[in-house]
Amino acid sequence: MTTHSSYDVNSSHGFVSSRGQRVWDDVCICVGGLLVALLGSLLYRSGSSSGIPWGLLGAFFLTFLYACICRRKRGALGVALGILVTSLIVWAVATHPGPGQDILIPGSSPAFMTWMSKTVSYWWLIGVSVVQLFAFCVPSSRLRK
């Protein structure tokens, strides 16, 4: 005789979680992904005109921390959901102009003088997913402490 319960033991963390908690975690991952994508899209160009892309590094660090939290909360599915949400938001911001026809993630422009300022947008568009894949490769023992 088997009984069905709304609780199950999450073997990777060793605690009991409910379906409601998993849904709540997924909602938090989606909202967090929206915030990380928007904040990163605002931050990534900082310093690129001087050749020191501290904004891009900060945006990547924020994205890496977000992916580690997603992995700790939901494992591989959390990272996959995080990559999906952040990539969709970043690419939507890059391809859809705002109300004044302005774009937050410009591809290239004659106004960009240095190599870094010309390529930093492409680094952000591709790197937002790559950084989260690196976070997926972090050993799980590092995330539990």
N, C-alpha and C. Protein backbone atom coordinates (compact mmCIF):
# COMPACT_ATOMS: atom_id res chain seq x y z
N MET A 1 0.84 -1.16 0.00
CA MET A 1 0.00 0.00 0.00
C MET A 1 0.90 1.24 0.00
N THR A 2 0.70 2.08 -0.96
CA THR A 2 1.49 3.30 -1.04
C THR A 2 0.60 4.49 -0.71
N THR A 3 1.18 5.43 -0.05
CA THR A 3 0.45 6.65 0.27
C THR A 3 1.12 7.81 -0.45
N HIS A 4 0.32 8.69 -0.90
CA HIS A 4 0.84 9.87 -1.58
C HIS A 4 0.77 11.04 -0.62
N SER A 5 1.83 11.75 -0.55
CA SER A 5 1.92 12.88 0.36
C SER A 5 2.43 14.09 -0.40
N SER A 6 2.11 15.25 0.11
CA SER A 6 2.63 16.48 -0.53
C SER A 6 4.04 16.78 -0.05
N TYR A 7 4.59 15.88 0.78
CA TYR A 7 5.95 16.07 1.27
C TYR A 7 6.85 14.99 0.70
N ASP A 8 8.08 15.36 0.41
CA ASP A 8 9.07 14.38 -0.01
C ASP A 8 10.41 14.76 0.58
N VAL A 9 11.26 13.79 0.65
CA VAL A 9 12.59 14.04 1.19
C VAL A 9 13.50 14.40 0.02
N ASN A 10 14.09 15.57 0.10
CA ASN A 10 15.03 16.01 -0.92
C ASN A 10 16.39 15.41 -0.56
N SER A 11 16.80 14.39 -1.30
CA SER A 11 18.00 13.64 -0.92
C SER A 11 19.28 14.45 -1.01
N SER A 12 19.31 15.48 -1.84
CA SER A 12 20.55 16.24 -1.97
C SER A 12 20.77 17.17 -0.78
N HIS A 13 19.70 17.55 -0.10
CA HIS A 13 19.85 18.46 1.04
C HIS A 13 19.52 17.78 2.37
N GLY A 14 18.76 16.69 2.33
CA GLY A 14 18.46 15.97 3.54
C GLY A 14 17.38 16.59 4.39
N PHE A 15 16.49 17.38 3.82
CA PHE A 15 15.40 17.93 4.60
C PHE A 15 14.09 17.69 3.86
N VAL A 16 12.99 17.85 4.58
CA VAL A 16 11.68 17.63 4.00
C VAL A 16 11.17 18.93 3.40
N SER A 17 10.69 18.85 2.16
CA SER A 17 10.14 20.04 1.52
C SER A 17 8.79 19.70 0.91
N SER A 18 7.96 20.69 0.80
CA SER A 18 6.64 20.49 0.22
C SER A 18 6.61 21.02 -1.20
N ARG A 19 5.57 20.63 -1.92
CA ARG A 19 5.41 21.14 -3.28
C ARG A 19 5.24 22.64 -3.27
N GLY A 20 4.55 23.14 -2.29
CA GLY A 20 4.35 24.59 -2.18
C GLY A 20 5.67 25.32 -2.00
N GLN A 21 6.57 24.74 -1.25
CA GLN A 21 7.89 25.34 -1.06
C GLN A 21 8.68 25.34 -2.36
N ARG A 22 8.58 24.25 -3.12
CA ARG A 22 9.28 24.19 -4.40
C ARG A 22 8.73 25.22 -5.38
N VAL A 23 7.42 25.39 -5.39
CA VAL A 23 6.81 26.40 -6.26
C VAL A 23 7.27 27.79 -5.84
N TRP A 24 7.28 28.03 -4.53
CA TRP A 24 7.75 29.32 -4.02
C TRP A 24 9.21 29.56 -4.40
N ASP A 25 10.05 28.53 -4.30
CA ASP A 25 11.45 28.64 -4.71
C ASP A 25 11.56 28.99 -6.19
N ASP A 26 10.72 28.35 -7.02
CA ASP A 26 10.75 28.64 -8.45
C ASP A 26 10.32 30.08 -8.75
N VAL A 27 9.33 30.56 -8.04
CA VAL A 27 8.89 31.95 -8.21
C VAL A 27 10.02 32.90 -7.79
N CYS A 28 10.67 32.60 -6.68
CA CYS A 28 11.80 33.44 -6.22
C CYS A 28 12.95 33.41 -7.22
N ILE A 29 13.21 32.26 -7.83
CA ILE A 29 14.26 32.16 -8.84
C ILE A 29 13.91 33.02 -10.05
N CYS A 30 12.65 33.00 -10.47
CA CYS A 30 12.23 33.82 -11.63
C CYS A 30 12.32 35.31 -11.32
N VAL A 31 11.86 35.73 -10.16
CA VAL A 31 11.94 37.15 -9.79
C VAL A 31 13.40 37.56 -9.62
N GLY A 32 14.20 36.71 -8.99
CA GLY A 32 15.63 36.99 -8.84
C GLY A 32 16.33 37.09 -10.18
N GLY A 33 15.97 36.22 -11.12
CA GLY A 33 16.54 36.27 -12.46
C GLY A 33 16.19 37.56 -13.18
N LEU A 34 14.97 38.01 -13.01
CA LEU A 34 14.55 39.29 -13.59
C LEU A 34 15.40 40.43 -13.03
N LEU A 35 15.57 40.45 -11.71
CA LEU A 35 16.36 41.52 -11.07
C LEU A 35 17.83 41.46 -11.47
N VAL A 36 18.40 40.26 -11.49
CA VAL A 36 19.81 40.11 -11.86
C VAL A 36 20.03 40.53 -13.31
N ALA A 37 19.14 40.14 -14.20
CA ALA A 37 19.28 40.50 -15.61
C ALA A 37 19.17 42.01 -15.82
N LEU A 38 18.22 42.64 -15.15
CA LEU A 38 18.06 44.09 -15.31
C LEU A 38 19.20 44.87 -14.66
N LEU A 39 19.58 44.48 -13.44
CA LEU A 39 20.70 45.17 -12.78
C LEU A 39 22.01 44.97 -13.55
N GLY A 40 22.24 43.76 -14.00
CA GLY A 40 23.45 43.48 -14.79
C GLY A 40 23.47 44.26 -16.09
N SER A 41 22.30 44.40 -16.73
CA SER A 41 22.21 45.15 -17.98
C SER A 41 22.45 46.64 -17.78
N LEU A 42 22.15 47.12 -16.60
CA LEU A 42 22.44 48.53 -16.28
C LEU A 42 23.89 48.73 -15.87
N LEU A 43 24.50 47.72 -15.29
CA LEU A 43 25.83 47.84 -14.70
C LEU A 43 26.97 47.50 -15.66
N TYR A 44 26.76 46.62 -16.61
CA TYR A 44 27.87 46.00 -17.34
C TYR A 44 28.75 46.97 -18.13
N ARG A 45 28.25 48.10 -18.58
CA ARG A 45 29.06 49.03 -19.39
C ARG A 45 29.97 49.92 -18.56
N SER A 46 29.80 49.94 -17.26
CA SER A 46 30.60 50.82 -16.41
C SER A 46 32.08 50.47 -16.51
N GLY A 47 32.88 51.46 -16.79
CA GLY A 47 34.33 51.28 -16.87
C GLY A 47 34.84 50.78 -18.20
N SER A 48 33.97 50.42 -19.12
CA SER A 48 34.44 49.84 -20.38
C SER A 48 35.13 50.87 -21.27
N SER A 49 34.76 52.13 -21.17
CA SER A 49 35.39 53.14 -22.02
C SER A 49 36.83 53.42 -21.60
N SER A 50 37.16 53.14 -20.33
CA SER A 50 38.53 53.33 -19.87
C SER A 50 39.37 52.07 -19.99
N GLY A 51 38.76 50.99 -20.47
CA GLY A 51 39.51 49.75 -20.67
C GLY A 51 39.51 48.82 -19.48
N ILE A 52 38.88 49.23 -18.37
CA ILE A 52 38.80 48.38 -17.18
C ILE A 52 37.31 48.10 -16.93
N PRO A 53 36.82 46.96 -17.37
CA PRO A 53 35.37 46.69 -17.31
C PRO A 53 34.90 46.24 -15.93
N TRP A 54 35.03 47.11 -14.93
CA TRP A 54 34.63 46.73 -13.58
C TRP A 54 33.12 46.48 -13.51
N GLY A 55 32.33 47.14 -14.32
CA GLY A 55 30.89 46.91 -14.33
C GLY A 55 30.55 45.53 -14.85
N LEU A 56 31.25 45.09 -15.89
CA LEU A 56 31.03 43.75 -16.43
C LEU A 56 31.41 42.69 -15.41
N LEU A 57 32.54 42.91 -14.74
CA LEU A 57 32.97 41.96 -13.70
C LEU A 57 31.97 41.92 -12.55
N GLY A 58 31.46 43.08 -12.16
CA GLY A 58 30.44 43.13 -11.11
C GLY A 58 29.15 42.44 -11.52
N ALA A 59 28.74 42.64 -12.77
CA ALA A 59 27.53 41.99 -13.28
C ALA A 59 27.72 40.47 -13.34
N PHE A 60 28.91 40.03 -13.76
CA PHE A 60 29.19 38.59 -13.78
C PHE A 60 29.22 38.01 -12.37
N PHE A 61 29.79 38.75 -11.41
CA PHE A 61 29.83 38.27 -10.03
C PHE A 61 28.42 38.15 -9.46
N LEU A 62 27.58 39.14 -9.73
CA LEU A 62 26.19 39.09 -9.29
C LEU A 62 25.47 37.90 -9.91
N THR A 63 25.72 37.65 -11.18
CA THR A 63 25.10 36.52 -11.87
C THR A 63 25.60 35.19 -11.29
N PHE A 64 26.89 35.11 -10.98
CA PHE A 64 27.46 33.89 -10.39
C PHE A 64 26.83 33.60 -9.02
N LEU A 65 26.71 34.62 -8.18
CA LEU A 65 26.08 34.43 -6.87
C LEU A 65 24.63 33.99 -7.00
N TYR A 66 23.93 34.61 -7.93
CA TYR A 66 22.54 34.23 -8.19
C TYR A 66 22.45 32.76 -8.60
N ALA A 67 23.32 32.31 -9.50
CA ALA A 67 23.30 30.92 -9.95
C ALA A 67 23.64 29.95 -8.82
N CYS A 68 24.55 30.34 -7.94
CA CYS A 68 24.87 29.49 -6.78
C CYS A 68 23.68 29.36 -5.85
N ILE A 69 22.95 30.44 -5.66
CA ILE A 69 21.74 30.39 -4.83
C ILE A 69 20.68 29.52 -5.49
N CYS A 70 20.52 29.65 -6.80
CA CYS A 70 19.56 28.80 -7.53
C CYS A 70 19.92 27.33 -7.38
N ARG A 71 21.20 27.03 -7.47
CA ARG A 71 21.64 25.65 -7.35
C ARG A 71 21.42 25.12 -5.94
N ARG A 72 21.67 25.95 -4.98
CA ARG A 72 21.47 25.51 -3.60
C ARG A 72 19.99 25.29 -3.30
N LYS A 73 19.13 26.12 -3.87
CA LYS A 73 17.70 25.99 -3.62
C LYS A 73 17.07 24.80 -4.34
N ARG A 74 17.37 24.64 -5.65
CA ARG A 74 16.66 23.66 -6.45
C ARG A 74 17.56 22.72 -7.25
N GLY A 75 18.87 22.82 -7.07
CA GLY A 75 19.77 21.91 -7.78
C GLY A 75 19.91 22.29 -9.24
N ALA A 76 20.07 21.28 -10.08
CA ALA A 76 20.28 21.51 -11.51
C ALA A 76 19.08 22.18 -12.16
N LEU A 77 17.88 21.85 -11.71
CA LEU A 77 16.68 22.48 -12.26
C LEU A 77 16.64 23.97 -11.93
N GLY A 78 17.12 24.33 -10.76
CA GLY A 78 17.18 25.74 -10.39
C GLY A 78 18.13 26.52 -11.26
N VAL A 79 19.29 25.94 -11.56
CA VAL A 79 20.25 26.61 -12.44
C VAL A 79 19.68 26.71 -13.85
N ALA A 80 19.03 25.65 -14.32
CA ALA A 80 18.43 25.68 -15.65
C ALA A 80 17.35 26.76 -15.74
N LEU A 81 16.52 26.85 -14.72
CA LEU A 81 15.49 27.89 -14.70
C LEU A 81 16.12 29.27 -14.63
N GLY A 82 17.18 29.41 -13.86
CA GLY A 82 17.88 30.69 -13.76
C GLY A 82 18.50 31.12 -15.08
N ILE A 83 19.13 30.17 -15.79
CA ILE A 83 19.71 30.47 -17.09
C ILE A 83 18.62 30.88 -18.08
N LEU A 84 17.52 30.15 -18.06
CA LEU A 84 16.42 30.46 -18.97
C LEU A 84 15.87 31.87 -18.73
N VAL A 85 15.58 32.19 -17.48
CA VAL A 85 14.99 33.49 -17.15
C VAL A 85 15.95 34.63 -17.45
N THR A 86 17.18 34.54 -16.98
CA THR A 86 18.12 35.65 -17.20
C THR A 86 18.44 35.83 -18.68
N SER A 87 18.59 34.73 -19.42
CA SER A 87 18.89 34.84 -20.85
C SER A 87 17.72 35.47 -21.60
N LEU A 88 16.51 35.06 -21.29
CA LEU A 88 15.35 35.65 -21.95
C LEU A 88 15.25 37.15 -21.68
N ILE A 89 15.47 37.55 -20.44
CA ILE A 89 15.36 38.96 -20.08
C ILE A 89 16.47 39.77 -20.74
N VAL A 90 17.71 39.28 -20.67
CA VAL A 90 18.84 40.02 -21.24
C VAL A 90 18.67 40.17 -22.75
N TRP A 91 18.28 39.10 -23.43
CA TRP A 91 18.11 39.19 -24.89
C TRP A 91 16.90 40.04 -25.25
N ALA A 92 15.85 40.03 -24.43
CA ALA A 92 14.70 40.90 -24.68
C ALA A 92 15.10 42.36 -24.53
N VAL A 93 15.89 42.66 -23.51
CA VAL A 93 16.36 44.03 -23.30
C VAL A 93 17.27 44.46 -24.46
N ALA A 94 18.04 43.53 -24.99
CA ALA A 94 18.97 43.86 -26.07
C ALA A 94 18.27 44.07 -27.41
N THR A 95 17.17 43.39 -27.64
CA THR A 95 16.56 43.43 -28.97
C THR A 95 15.32 44.31 -29.07
N HIS A 96 14.76 44.72 -27.96
CA HIS A 96 13.55 45.55 -28.00
C HIS A 96 13.85 46.94 -27.45
N PRO A 97 13.77 47.95 -28.31
CA PRO A 97 14.03 49.31 -27.83
C PRO A 97 12.94 49.80 -26.90
N GLY A 98 13.32 50.75 -26.05
CA GLY A 98 12.38 51.33 -25.11
C GLY A 98 11.45 52.33 -25.77
N PRO A 99 10.69 53.07 -24.98
CA PRO A 99 9.72 54.00 -25.55
C PRO A 99 10.35 55.14 -26.35
N GLY A 100 11.56 55.53 -26.03
CA GLY A 100 12.25 56.57 -26.78
C GLY A 100 13.19 56.01 -27.83
N GLN A 101 12.98 54.73 -28.21
CA GLN A 101 13.82 54.02 -29.17
C GLN A 101 15.27 53.86 -28.68
N ASP A 102 15.47 53.87 -27.37
CA ASP A 102 16.79 53.65 -26.81
C ASP A 102 16.98 52.17 -26.49
N ILE A 103 18.22 51.72 -26.53
CA ILE A 103 18.54 50.32 -26.29
C ILE A 103 19.55 50.26 -25.14
N LEU A 104 19.28 49.41 -24.15
CA LEU A 104 20.19 49.29 -23.01
C LEU A 104 21.46 48.52 -23.34
N ILE A 105 21.38 47.63 -24.32
CA ILE A 105 22.54 46.81 -24.67
C ILE A 105 22.85 47.04 -26.15
N PRO A 106 23.57 48.12 -26.46
CA PRO A 106 23.89 48.39 -27.87
C PRO A 106 24.98 47.46 -28.37
N GLY A 107 24.83 46.98 -29.60
CA GLY A 107 25.84 46.08 -30.17
C GLY A 107 27.14 46.79 -30.46
N SER A 108 27.09 47.81 -31.26
CA SER A 108 28.29 48.55 -31.61
C SER A 108 27.88 49.93 -32.10
N SER A 109 28.79 50.85 -32.01
CA SER A 109 28.52 52.22 -32.42
C SER A 109 29.83 52.91 -32.75
N PRO A 110 29.81 53.86 -33.68
CA PRO A 110 31.04 54.62 -33.94
C PRO A 110 31.47 55.46 -32.74
N ALA A 111 30.57 55.66 -31.80
CA ALA A 111 30.91 56.45 -30.61
C ALA A 111 31.82 55.68 -29.66
N PHE A 112 31.85 54.35 -29.76
CA PHE A 112 32.70 53.54 -28.90
C PHE A 112 34.12 53.56 -29.45
N MET A 113 35.06 54.02 -28.64
CA MET A 113 36.42 54.21 -29.13
C MET A 113 37.37 53.06 -28.81
N THR A 114 37.23 52.44 -27.65
CA THR A 114 38.17 51.38 -27.26
C THR A 114 37.62 50.01 -27.65
N TRP A 115 38.53 49.04 -27.72
CA TRP A 115 38.11 47.68 -28.05
C TRP A 115 37.12 47.16 -27.01
N MET A 116 37.38 47.44 -25.74
CA MET A 116 36.50 46.94 -24.69
C MET A 116 35.11 47.56 -24.80
N SER A 117 35.02 48.85 -25.07
CA SER A 117 33.70 49.47 -25.15
C SER A 117 32.93 48.98 -26.38
N LYS A 118 33.65 48.52 -27.41
CA LYS A 118 32.99 47.99 -28.60
C LYS A 118 32.49 46.57 -28.39
N THR A 119 33.13 45.79 -27.54
CA THR A 119 32.80 44.37 -27.40
C THR A 119 32.12 44.00 -26.09
N VAL A 120 32.02 44.92 -25.16
CA VAL A 120 31.50 44.58 -23.84
C VAL A 120 30.04 44.11 -23.90
N SER A 121 29.27 44.61 -24.82
CA SER A 121 27.87 44.17 -24.94
C SER A 121 27.79 42.69 -25.32
N TYR A 122 28.66 42.28 -26.22
CA TYR A 122 28.67 40.87 -26.63
C TYR A 122 29.14 39.97 -25.49
N TRP A 123 30.11 40.45 -24.72
CA TRP A 123 30.57 39.69 -23.55
C TRP A 123 29.42 39.48 -22.57
N TRP A 124 28.61 40.51 -22.36
CA TRP A 124 27.49 40.41 -21.42
C TRP A 124 26.42 39.47 -21.96
N LEU A 125 26.08 39.59 -23.24
CA LEU A 125 25.01 38.76 -23.81
C LEU A 125 25.35 37.27 -23.73
N ILE A 126 26.58 36.91 -24.02
CA ILE A 126 26.99 35.50 -23.99
C ILE A 126 27.37 35.08 -22.56
N GLY A 127 28.05 35.96 -21.86
CA GLY A 127 28.58 35.62 -20.54
C GLY A 127 27.54 35.38 -19.47
N VAL A 128 26.36 35.97 -19.61
CA VAL A 128 25.33 35.79 -18.58
C VAL A 128 24.95 34.31 -18.47
N SER A 129 24.98 33.57 -19.56
CA SER A 129 24.70 32.13 -19.52
C SER A 129 25.93 31.32 -19.15
N VAL A 130 27.09 31.71 -19.67
CA VAL A 130 28.32 30.96 -19.42
C VAL A 130 28.71 31.01 -17.94
N VAL A 131 28.55 32.16 -17.32
CA VAL A 131 28.89 32.30 -15.89
C VAL A 131 28.00 31.39 -15.05
N GLN A 132 26.74 31.26 -15.42
CA GLN A 132 25.85 30.38 -14.66
C GLN A 132 26.20 28.91 -14.88
N LEU A 133 26.69 28.58 -16.05
CA LEU A 133 27.16 27.21 -16.27
C LEU A 133 28.39 26.91 -15.42
N PHE A 134 29.26 27.91 -15.24
CA PHE A 134 30.40 27.73 -14.34
C PHE A 134 29.92 27.51 -12.91
N ALA A 135 28.90 28.24 -12.49
CA ALA A 135 28.35 28.06 -11.15
C ALA A 135 27.76 26.66 -10.98
N PHE A 136 27.25 26.11 -12.05
CA PHE A 136 26.74 24.74 -12.01
C PHE A 136 27.85 23.74 -11.77
N CYS A 137 29.06 24.07 -12.23
CA CYS A 137 30.21 23.17 -12.09
C CYS A 137 30.89 23.25 -10.73
N VAL A 138 30.50 24.20 -9.90
CA VAL A 138 31.09 24.32 -8.56
C VAL A 138 30.67 23.08 -7.76
N PRO A 139 31.61 22.45 -7.07
CA PRO A 139 31.24 21.27 -6.26
C PRO A 139 30.17 21.62 -5.23
N SER A 140 29.21 20.74 -5.08
CA SER A 140 28.09 21.02 -4.18
C SER A 140 28.54 21.16 -2.72
N SER A 141 29.67 20.58 -2.37
CA SER A 141 30.15 20.72 -0.99
C SER A 141 30.51 22.16 -0.67
N ARG A 142 30.88 22.94 -1.68
CA ARG A 142 31.20 24.35 -1.48
C ARG A 142 29.97 25.19 -1.22
N LEU A 143 28.80 24.72 -1.67
CA LEU A 143 27.57 25.50 -1.54
C LEU A 143 26.83 25.24 -0.24
N ARG A 144 27.16 24.20 0.47
CA ARG A 144 26.40 23.83 1.66
C ARG A 144 26.89 24.50 2.92
N LYS A 145 28.07 25.06 2.91
CA LYS A 145 28.64 25.62 4.14
C LYS A 145 28.14 27.00 4.40
